[in-house]
Amino acid sequence: MTEYNEDCFLSLSGIQHFEFCRRQWALIHIEQQWEENIRTIEDEILHKNAHDGYLAEKRGDVIISRGMAIFSKTLGVNGVCDIVEFYKDDKGIELFGRDGKYIVFPVEYKRGEPKESDADVLQLTAQAMCLEDMLCCKITEGALFYGETRRRLKIIFDNSLRQRVKDIFSEMHEMYDRRYTPKVKLSKS
């Protein structure tokens, strides 16, 4: 199994751009071309609220961590989870400084509504895989929260999703290492 050095880590959130459009991802992450617009600003506001405080709060038997930094040497990525919820459960893991055991449940916030593509699902799955590497546990599910619908969509992390995440990050590393930006594909109109 390959392990990446921290100097080679890619941005975890880039998986969403990459799945949507490899050229867009390359322009943003390789060529550093990025321009703010109303959508990116609205997204920033939503995430700022999700990350507010960069601390943990406790609600009954649930610990809620906001803005948790994550990474995976096996995927070669790092990023930030909007929310990670830890549910007290005897089948879970021990957390430093906490009594009992907890099940880990990541929640990613998105501005709009559920998409037809799997881009958001892949990003959440990648977050779960990073948390698994960091916390030495298995995470079976998480949720996407959409600002437009104000609802959570539960996601099950199956082997197929996990393999897609690995394959996509492998391709991203290959393109990044080569500094390759795909050409524009002209379509017939």
Foldseek 3Di string as FASTA:
>chain_A
DAFADLVLADALLLLLVCQVPVLSSLCCGLVVDDDDDPQVVLFVVQLCVLQPPQAWDDDPQKIKGAFDWFDGRLLRYIYTFSIKIWGFDQPADDDPPDPGGTAIATEHEDAADDDPDCSVVLSRLVVQVRCCRVRVDHHQKYWYAYNHVRDTDIDGNDPVSVVVSSVSSVVVSVCNVVSDRDDDDDDDD
